[in-house]
Protein backbone atom coordinates (compact mmCIF):
# COMPACT_ATOMS: atom_id res chain seq x y z
CA MET A 1 135.61 105.50 87.60
CA GLU A 2 137.55 102.49 88.85
CA TYR A 3 137.25 103.73 92.41
CA LEU A 4 133.50 103.06 92.22
CA LEU A 5 134.15 99.42 91.43
CA ALA A 6 136.00 99.05 94.73
CA PHE A 7 132.85 99.97 96.69
CA ARG A 8 130.50 97.52 94.97
CA PRO A 9 131.16 94.56 97.30
CA TRP A 10 130.86 96.76 100.38
CA VAL A 11 127.51 98.14 99.27
CA SER A 12 126.21 94.60 98.86
CA VAL A 13 127.45 93.62 102.32
CA ILE A 14 125.88 96.71 103.92
CA MET A 15 122.56 96.05 102.19
CA LEU A 16 122.59 92.40 103.30
CA ILE A 17 123.32 93.36 106.92
CA THR A 18 120.56 95.98 106.82
CA PHE A 19 118.07 93.47 105.42
CA ILE A 20 118.91 90.86 108.04
CA GLY A 21 118.72 93.47 110.83
CA LEU A 22 115.31 94.71 109.67
CA PHE A 23 114.04 91.14 109.35
CA ILE A 24 115.10 90.31 112.90
CA TRP A 25 113.55 93.56 114.20
CA VAL A 26 110.21 92.87 112.50
CA ALA A 27 110.13 89.16 113.34
CA ASN A 28 110.91 89.76 117.04
CA PRO A 29 107.97 88.45 119.13
CA LYS A 30 108.40 91.31 121.64
CA ARG A 31 107.42 93.81 118.95
CA SER A 32 104.34 91.97 117.65
CA LYS A 33 101.96 93.70 120.10
CA GLY A 34 103.07 97.15 118.95
CA PHE A 35 102.87 96.18 115.30
CA ASN A 36 99.37 94.75 115.76
CA GLU A 37 98.21 97.97 117.43
CA ALA A 38 99.71 100.05 114.63
CA ALA A 39 98.09 97.83 112.01
CA ASN A 40 94.64 98.40 113.56
CA LEU A 41 94.96 102.20 113.88
CA PRO A 42 93.10 102.93 110.61
CA PHE A 43 90.09 101.01 111.94
CA ALA A 44 89.99 102.73 115.34
CA GLU A 45 87.05 105.02 115.99
CA ASP A 46 87.63 108.54 117.19
CA ASP A 47 86.05 109.11 120.60
CA GLU A 48 86.72 112.84 120.61
CA GLU A 49 84.48 115.38 118.96
CA GLN A 50 85.90 117.23 116.02
CA PRO A 51 86.97 120.76 116.84
CA SER A 52 84.61 123.51 115.75
CA SER A 53 87.46 125.34 114.04
CA GLN A 54 87.32 122.90 111.13
CA VAL A 55 85.54 124.13 108.04
CA ASP A 56 82.36 122.33 107.09
CA THR A 57 83.04 121.08 103.57
CA ALA A 58 79.46 119.89 103.02
CA GLN A 59 78.21 123.44 102.44
CA PRO A 60 79.50 125.21 99.34
CA HIS A 61 81.00 128.63 99.86
CA LYS A 62 79.00 131.59 98.65
CA ARG A 63 81.15 134.14 96.96
CA GLU A 64 80.20 137.77 96.90
CA ASN A 65 81.08 139.72 93.80
CA LYS A 66 82.33 143.15 94.77
CA GLN A 67 82.58 145.46 91.84
């Protein structure tokens, strides 16, 4: 169990480096255009028609009882 104590400082250092790297990647002004486009994707309207292979969920299915 003592061998796990030897890795504790290294885990903290790796997590700190990862956090700083992610912060720099997100805060980079070159990436802001891509992030803004991705942030607005849920609000984009679909210009394509929906394929006819999709099931219409508005109509309930009629089940036939075969006995």
